[in-house]
Amino acid sequence: MFSHVMVGSNNIDASKKFYDATLGALGGNPAMVDENGRLIYLQNDGIFIVTPPIDGKAATHANGGTIGFACASQEQANAWHAAGVANGGTAIEDAPGIREGGFGPLYLAYLRDPDGNKLCAMHRDG
């Protein structure tokens, strides 16, 4: 359904450090940087891009928005979370763990990136 996800950044260097670490914990490669200074991550047919806003205004995060990254295990979600906290991210919500809901048991870990974008690592348990 999705071709790509893109978020804005006010500090590409801080974003590169954060996303290279968190996406590396999920098995991804460091970002490619294009001629416009955008960070491009390619993995499993997905594209994730971090960019300075094209209009020259400050990047802002979406209130109510969350970007989710699929994990192969609880351990991978924990590694993603630890890499994020160690590289400029902020742990938010409850500690990583299983949440019960309408989709069955989900192992979830939440962070905000250096620009405030809300991120989630998710592993479907069961």
N, C-alpha and C. Protein backbone atom coordinates (compact mmCIF):
# COMPACT_ATOMS: atom_id res chain seq x y z
N MET A 1 0.81 -1.19 0.00
CA MET A 1 0.00 0.00 0.00
C MET A 1 0.86 1.26 0.00
N PHE A 2 1.97 1.27 0.74
CA PHE A 2 2.81 2.45 0.84
C PHE A 2 4.03 2.32 -0.06
N SER A 3 4.41 3.43 -0.68
CA SER A 3 5.64 3.42 -1.47
C SER A 3 6.82 3.88 -0.62
N HIS A 4 6.56 4.82 0.30
CA HIS A 4 7.62 5.34 1.16
C HIS A 4 7.02 6.13 2.31
N VAL A 5 7.85 6.40 3.30
CA VAL A 5 7.50 7.28 4.41
C VAL A 5 8.61 8.32 4.49
N MET A 6 8.22 9.59 4.68
CA MET A 6 9.19 10.67 4.77
C MET A 6 8.87 11.52 5.99
N VAL A 7 9.92 11.88 6.75
CA VAL A 7 9.76 12.80 7.86
C VAL A 7 10.74 13.96 7.68
N GLY A 8 10.40 15.09 8.26
CA GLY A 8 11.27 16.25 8.20
C GLY A 8 12.24 16.28 9.35
N SER A 9 13.35 16.97 9.14
CA SER A 9 14.36 17.12 10.18
C SER A 9 14.95 18.52 10.14
N ASN A 10 15.21 19.05 11.33
CA ASN A 10 15.90 20.33 11.46
C ASN A 10 17.40 20.14 11.67
N ASN A 11 17.83 18.90 11.85
CA ASN A 11 19.24 18.61 12.08
C ASN A 11 19.56 17.25 11.45
N ILE A 12 19.93 17.27 10.20
CA ILE A 12 20.18 16.04 9.45
C ILE A 12 21.30 15.21 10.09
N ASP A 13 22.33 15.84 10.63
CA ASP A 13 23.42 15.08 11.26
C ASP A 13 22.91 14.29 12.46
N ALA A 14 22.09 14.92 13.31
CA ALA A 14 21.52 14.22 14.46
C ALA A 14 20.57 13.11 14.00
N SER A 15 19.80 13.39 12.96
CA SER A 15 18.89 12.38 12.43
C SER A 15 19.65 11.19 11.86
N LYS A 16 20.75 11.45 11.16
CA LYS A 16 21.54 10.36 10.58
C LYS A 16 22.10 9.47 11.69
N LYS A 17 22.62 10.07 12.74
CA LYS A 17 23.15 9.29 13.86
C LYS A 17 22.04 8.41 14.46
N PHE A 18 20.89 9.00 14.70
CA PHE A 18 19.75 8.29 15.31
C PHE A 18 19.24 7.18 14.40
N TYR A 19 18.93 7.50 13.14
CA TYR A 19 18.33 6.50 12.25
C TYR A 19 19.34 5.46 11.77
N ASP A 20 20.59 5.81 11.59
CA ASP A 20 21.60 4.78 11.27
C ASP A 20 21.64 3.74 12.39
N ALA A 21 21.56 4.20 13.64
CA ALA A 21 21.62 3.29 14.79
C ALA A 21 20.33 2.48 14.93
N THR A 22 19.18 3.13 14.89
CA THR A 22 17.92 2.39 15.11
C THR A 22 17.61 1.47 13.95
N LEU A 23 17.76 1.94 12.73
CA LEU A 23 17.48 1.07 11.59
C LEU A 23 18.56 0.02 11.43
N GLY A 24 19.78 0.32 11.86
CA GLY A 24 20.84 -0.68 11.89
C GLY A 24 20.49 -1.82 12.83
N ALA A 25 19.84 -1.51 13.95
CA ALA A 25 19.41 -2.55 14.88
C ALA A 25 18.36 -3.47 14.27
N LEU A 26 17.70 -3.00 13.20
CA LEU A 26 16.72 -3.81 12.49
C LEU A 26 17.32 -4.48 11.26
N GLY A 27 18.64 -4.38 11.10
CA GLY A 27 19.31 -5.02 9.97
C GLY A 27 19.53 -4.13 8.77
N GLY A 28 19.22 -2.84 8.88
CA GLY A 28 19.37 -1.92 7.76
C GLY A 28 20.77 -1.36 7.64
N ASN A 29 21.04 -0.79 6.48
CA ASN A 29 22.31 -0.14 6.20
C ASN A 29 22.25 1.34 6.55
N PRO A 30 23.41 1.98 6.75
CA PRO A 30 23.42 3.43 6.96
C PRO A 30 22.77 4.15 5.77
N ALA A 31 22.32 5.35 6.01
CA ALA A 31 21.63 6.12 4.97
C ALA A 31 22.52 6.43 3.78
N MET A 32 21.87 6.46 2.62
CA MET A 32 22.47 7.09 1.45
C MET A 32 22.05 8.55 1.56
N VAL A 33 22.90 9.46 1.17
CA VAL A 33 22.57 10.87 1.21
C VAL A 33 22.53 11.38 -0.22
N ASP A 34 21.38 11.95 -0.63
CA ASP A 34 21.27 12.42 -2.01
C ASP A 34 21.78 13.85 -2.15
N GLU A 35 21.71 14.38 -3.35
CA GLU A 35 22.26 15.71 -3.64
C GLU A 35 21.53 16.84 -2.92
N ASN A 36 20.32 16.56 -2.39
CA ASN A 36 19.57 17.56 -1.62
C ASN A 36 19.74 17.41 -0.11
N GLY A 37 20.65 16.51 0.30
CA GLY A 37 20.91 16.31 1.72
C GLY A 37 19.91 15.41 2.41
N ARG A 38 19.05 14.73 1.65
CA ARG A 38 18.07 13.83 2.23
C ARG A 38 18.73 12.49 2.57
N LEU A 39 18.31 11.91 3.69
CA LEU A 39 18.77 10.58 4.10
C LEU A 39 17.80 9.56 3.53
N ILE A 40 18.33 8.56 2.84
CA ILE A 40 17.47 7.55 2.21
C ILE A 40 17.87 6.18 2.73
N TYR A 41 16.89 5.49 3.31
CA TYR A 41 17.08 4.14 3.84
C TYR A 41 16.23 3.19 3.01
N LEU A 42 16.86 2.14 2.48
CA LEU A 42 16.17 1.13 1.69
C LEU A 42 16.28 -0.21 2.40
N GLN A 43 15.14 -0.86 2.62
CA GLN A 43 15.16 -2.17 3.26
C GLN A 43 13.85 -2.88 3.00
N ASN A 44 13.94 -4.16 2.62
CA ASN A 44 12.75 -5.01 2.43
C ASN A 44 11.69 -4.33 1.55
N ASP A 45 12.08 -3.76 0.45
CA ASP A 45 11.18 -3.07 -0.48
C ASP A 45 10.57 -1.79 0.10
N GLY A 46 10.99 -1.36 1.27
CA GLY A 46 10.49 -0.14 1.86
C GLY A 46 11.51 0.98 1.72
N ILE A 47 11.01 2.20 1.66
CA ILE A 47 11.87 3.38 1.58
C ILE A 47 11.46 4.32 2.71
N PHE A 48 12.44 4.72 3.50
CA PHE A 48 12.24 5.69 4.57
C PHE A 48 13.18 6.84 4.30
N ILE A 49 12.65 8.06 4.28
CA ILE A 49 13.43 9.24 3.92
C ILE A 49 13.33 10.28 5.03
N VAL A 50 14.45 10.90 5.34
CA VAL A 50 14.50 12.01 6.29
C VAL A 50 15.02 13.21 5.51
N THR A 51 14.31 14.34 5.59
CA THR A 51 14.66 15.48 4.75
C THR A 51 14.50 16.81 5.47
N PRO A 52 15.36 17.77 5.13
CA PRO A 52 15.04 19.13 5.55
C PRO A 52 13.79 19.55 4.76
N PRO A 53 12.84 20.27 5.36
CA PRO A 53 11.65 20.66 4.62
C PRO A 53 11.98 21.44 3.35
N ILE A 54 11.32 21.07 2.28
CA ILE A 54 11.57 21.70 0.98
C ILE A 54 11.18 23.17 0.99
N ASP A 55 10.18 23.54 1.80
CA ASP A 55 9.72 24.93 1.81
C ASP A 55 10.61 25.85 2.64
N GLY A 56 11.66 25.30 3.26
CA GLY A 56 12.58 26.12 4.04
C GLY A 56 12.10 26.44 5.45
N LYS A 57 10.88 26.05 5.80
CA LYS A 57 10.37 26.28 7.15
C LYS A 57 10.84 25.17 8.07
N ALA A 58 10.62 25.34 9.37
CA ALA A 58 11.04 24.35 10.35
C ALA A 58 10.25 23.05 10.20
N ALA A 59 10.92 21.93 10.41
CA ALA A 59 10.26 20.64 10.44
C ALA A 59 9.48 20.52 11.74
N THR A 60 8.31 19.94 11.67
CA THR A 60 7.50 19.67 12.85
C THR A 60 7.00 18.24 12.78
N HIS A 61 6.67 17.67 13.93
CA HIS A 61 6.15 16.30 13.95
C HIS A 61 4.63 16.33 13.97
N ALA A 62 4.04 15.21 13.58
CA ALA A 62 2.59 15.09 13.53
C ALA A 62 2.05 14.75 14.91
N ASN A 63 1.10 15.53 15.39
CA ASN A 63 0.43 15.23 16.64
C ASN A 63 -0.58 14.13 16.37
N GLY A 64 -0.41 12.97 16.98
CA GLY A 64 -1.28 11.84 16.74
C GLY A 64 -0.72 10.86 15.73
N GLY A 65 0.36 11.22 15.05
CA GLY A 65 0.96 10.34 14.06
C GLY A 65 2.02 9.45 14.69
N THR A 66 2.14 8.23 14.17
CA THR A 66 3.17 7.28 14.60
C THR A 66 3.66 6.53 13.38
N ILE A 67 4.96 6.33 13.29
CA ILE A 67 5.55 5.51 12.24
C ILE A 67 6.02 4.22 12.89
N GLY A 68 5.56 3.09 12.37
CA GLY A 68 5.89 1.80 12.95
C GLY A 68 6.90 1.03 12.12
N PHE A 69 7.85 0.39 12.80
CA PHE A 69 8.87 -0.45 12.16
C PHE A 69 8.67 -1.89 12.62
N ALA A 70 8.58 -2.81 11.65
CA ALA A 70 8.38 -4.23 11.96
C ALA A 70 9.67 -4.83 12.49
N CYS A 71 9.55 -5.67 13.52
CA CYS A 71 10.70 -6.35 14.12
C CYS A 71 10.48 -7.86 14.06
N ALA A 72 11.56 -8.58 13.92
CA ALA A 72 11.51 -10.04 13.84
C ALA A 72 11.35 -10.70 15.21
N SER A 73 11.63 -9.96 16.27
CA SER A 73 11.58 -10.54 17.62
C SER A 73 11.47 -9.43 18.66
N GLN A 74 11.16 -9.83 19.89
CA GLN A 74 11.17 -8.88 21.00
C GLN A 74 12.57 -8.33 21.21
N GLU A 75 13.57 -9.19 21.05
CA GLU A 75 14.96 -8.77 21.26
C GLU A 75 15.36 -7.70 20.24
N GLN A 76 14.88 -7.84 19.00
CA GLN A 76 15.20 -6.84 17.99
C GLN A 76 14.52 -5.51 18.32
N ALA A 77 13.29 -5.56 18.81
CA ALA A 77 12.60 -4.34 19.23
C ALA A 77 13.35 -3.67 20.38
N ASN A 78 13.85 -4.47 21.32
CA ASN A 78 14.62 -3.92 22.44
C ASN A 78 15.92 -3.31 21.96
N ALA A 79 16.59 -3.94 21.00
CA ALA A 79 17.84 -3.40 20.44
C ALA A 79 17.57 -2.09 19.73
N TRP A 80 16.47 -2.00 18.99
CA TRP A 80 16.06 -0.77 18.30
C TRP A 80 15.86 0.35 19.33
N HIS A 81 15.13 0.03 20.40
CA HIS A 81 14.83 1.03 21.43
C HIS A 81 16.11 1.50 22.11
N ALA A 82 16.99 0.57 22.47
CA ALA A 82 18.25 0.93 23.14
C ALA A 82 19.13 1.77 22.22
N ALA A 83 19.19 1.41 20.93
CA ALA A 83 19.99 2.19 19.97
C ALA A 83 19.44 3.60 19.85
N GLY A 84 18.13 3.73 19.87
CA GLY A 84 17.52 5.06 19.76
C GLY A 84 17.82 5.94 20.96
N VAL A 85 17.68 5.39 22.15
CA VAL A 85 17.95 6.16 23.37
C VAL A 85 19.43 6.56 23.43
N ALA A 86 20.31 5.68 22.98
CA ALA A 86 21.75 5.95 23.01
C ALA A 86 22.20 6.93 21.94
N ASN A 87 21.31 7.23 20.97
CA ASN A 87 21.70 8.08 19.85
C ASN A 87 20.76 9.27 19.63
N GLY A 88 20.29 9.84 20.73
CA GLY A 88 19.56 11.10 20.65
C GLY A 88 18.05 10.99 20.69
N GLY A 89 17.52 9.77 20.80
CA GLY A 89 16.07 9.61 20.90
C GLY A 89 15.61 9.68 22.34
N THR A 90 14.29 9.76 22.51
CA THR A 90 13.69 9.84 23.84
C THR A 90 12.69 8.71 24.00
N ALA A 91 12.85 7.92 25.06
CA ALA A 91 11.88 6.87 25.36
C ALA A 91 10.57 7.52 25.78
N ILE A 92 9.46 7.02 25.25
CA ILE A 92 8.15 7.57 25.60
C ILE A 92 7.19 6.43 25.89
N GLU A 93 6.05 6.78 26.45
CA GLU A 93 4.99 5.85 26.81
C GLU A 93 5.52 4.81 27.80
N ASP A 94 4.91 3.65 27.83
CA ASP A 94 5.37 2.60 28.74
C ASP A 94 6.67 2.00 28.24
N ALA A 95 7.37 1.30 29.12
CA ALA A 95 8.59 0.59 28.74
C ALA A 95 8.23 -0.44 27.67
N PRO A 96 9.21 -0.84 26.83
CA PRO A 96 8.92 -1.86 25.83
C PRO A 96 8.29 -3.09 26.49
N GLY A 97 7.27 -3.62 25.84
CA GLY A 97 6.61 -4.79 26.38
C GLY A 97 5.37 -5.17 25.59
N ILE A 98 4.71 -6.22 26.04
CA ILE A 98 3.52 -6.72 25.37
C ILE A 98 2.31 -5.88 25.75
N ARG A 99 1.53 -5.53 24.75
CA ARG A 99 0.26 -4.83 24.93
C ARG A 99 -0.81 -5.73 24.34
N GLU A 100 -1.89 -5.89 25.06
CA GLU A 100 -3.04 -6.65 24.56
C GLU A 100 -4.02 -5.68 23.93
N GLY A 101 -4.60 -6.08 22.81
CA GLY A 101 -5.58 -5.22 22.17
C GLY A 101 -6.35 -5.99 21.11
N GLY A 102 -7.05 -5.26 20.29
CA GLY A 102 -7.88 -5.84 19.26
C GLY A 102 -7.13 -6.62 18.20
N PHE A 103 -5.81 -6.37 18.09
CA PHE A 103 -4.99 -7.08 17.11
C PHE A 103 -4.27 -8.28 17.72
N GLY A 104 -4.58 -8.63 18.97
CA GLY A 104 -3.87 -9.69 19.66
C GLY A 104 -2.67 -9.12 20.38
N PRO A 105 -1.83 -10.00 20.97
CA PRO A 105 -0.67 -9.49 21.71
C PRO A 105 0.38 -8.90 20.77
N LEU A 106 0.81 -7.69 21.08
CA LEU A 106 1.84 -7.01 20.31
C LEU A 106 2.95 -6.59 21.26
N TYR A 107 4.19 -6.81 20.85
CA TYR A 107 5.32 -6.31 21.62
C TYR A 107 5.68 -4.97 21.02
N LEU A 108 5.59 -3.89 21.81
CA LEU A 108 5.77 -2.54 21.31
C LEU A 108 6.83 -1.79 22.10
N ALA A 109 7.59 -0.96 21.40
CA ALA A 109 8.57 -0.07 22.01
C ALA A 109 8.44 1.28 21.31
N TYR A 110 8.37 2.36 22.08
CA TYR A 110 8.14 3.69 21.52
C TYR A 110 9.29 4.65 21.79
N LEU A 111 9.58 5.48 20.80
CA LEU A 111 10.59 6.54 20.90
C LEU A 111 10.10 7.79 20.19
N ARG A 112 10.71 8.91 20.54
CA ARG A 112 10.64 10.11 19.70
C ARG A 112 12.04 10.31 19.15
N ASP A 113 12.12 10.62 17.85
CA ASP A 113 13.42 10.88 17.24
C ASP A 113 13.90 12.27 17.65
N PRO A 114 15.10 12.70 17.25
CA PRO A 114 15.60 14.01 17.68
C PRO A 114 14.71 15.19 17.27
N ASP A 115 13.84 15.02 16.27
CA ASP A 115 12.94 16.09 15.85
C ASP A 115 11.54 15.95 16.42
N GLY A 116 11.31 14.93 17.26
CA GLY A 116 10.02 14.75 17.92
C GLY A 116 9.06 13.82 17.21
N ASN A 117 9.45 13.21 16.09
CA ASN A 117 8.57 12.26 15.42
C ASN A 117 8.39 11.02 16.29
N LYS A 118 7.14 10.56 16.40
CA LYS A 118 6.84 9.40 17.22
C LYS A 118 7.04 8.13 16.41
N LEU A 119 7.83 7.21 16.96
CA LEU A 119 8.18 5.97 16.30
C LEU A 119 7.82 4.79 17.19
N CYS A 120 7.55 3.65 16.54
CA CYS A 120 7.23 2.44 17.28
C CYS A 120 7.91 1.26 16.62
N ALA A 121 8.51 0.41 17.42
CA ALA A 121 9.00 -0.89 16.95
C ALA A 121 7.97 -1.91 17.40
N MET A 122 7.55 -2.79 16.46
CA MET A 122 6.48 -3.73 16.78
C MET A 122 6.86 -5.14 16.35
N HIS A 123 6.61 -6.08 17.26
CA HIS A 123 6.73 -7.51 16.94
C HIS A 123 5.40 -8.15 17.31
N ARG A 124 4.84 -8.88 16.38
CA ARG A 124 3.58 -9.59 16.64
C ARG A 124 3.88 -10.88 17.37
N ASP A 125 3.48 -10.96 18.64
CA ASP A 125 3.66 -12.19 19.42
C ASP A 125 2.46 -13.09 19.17
N GLY A 126 2.72 -14.38 19.28
CA GLY A 126 1.61 -15.33 19.23
C GLY A 126 1.25 -15.78 17.91
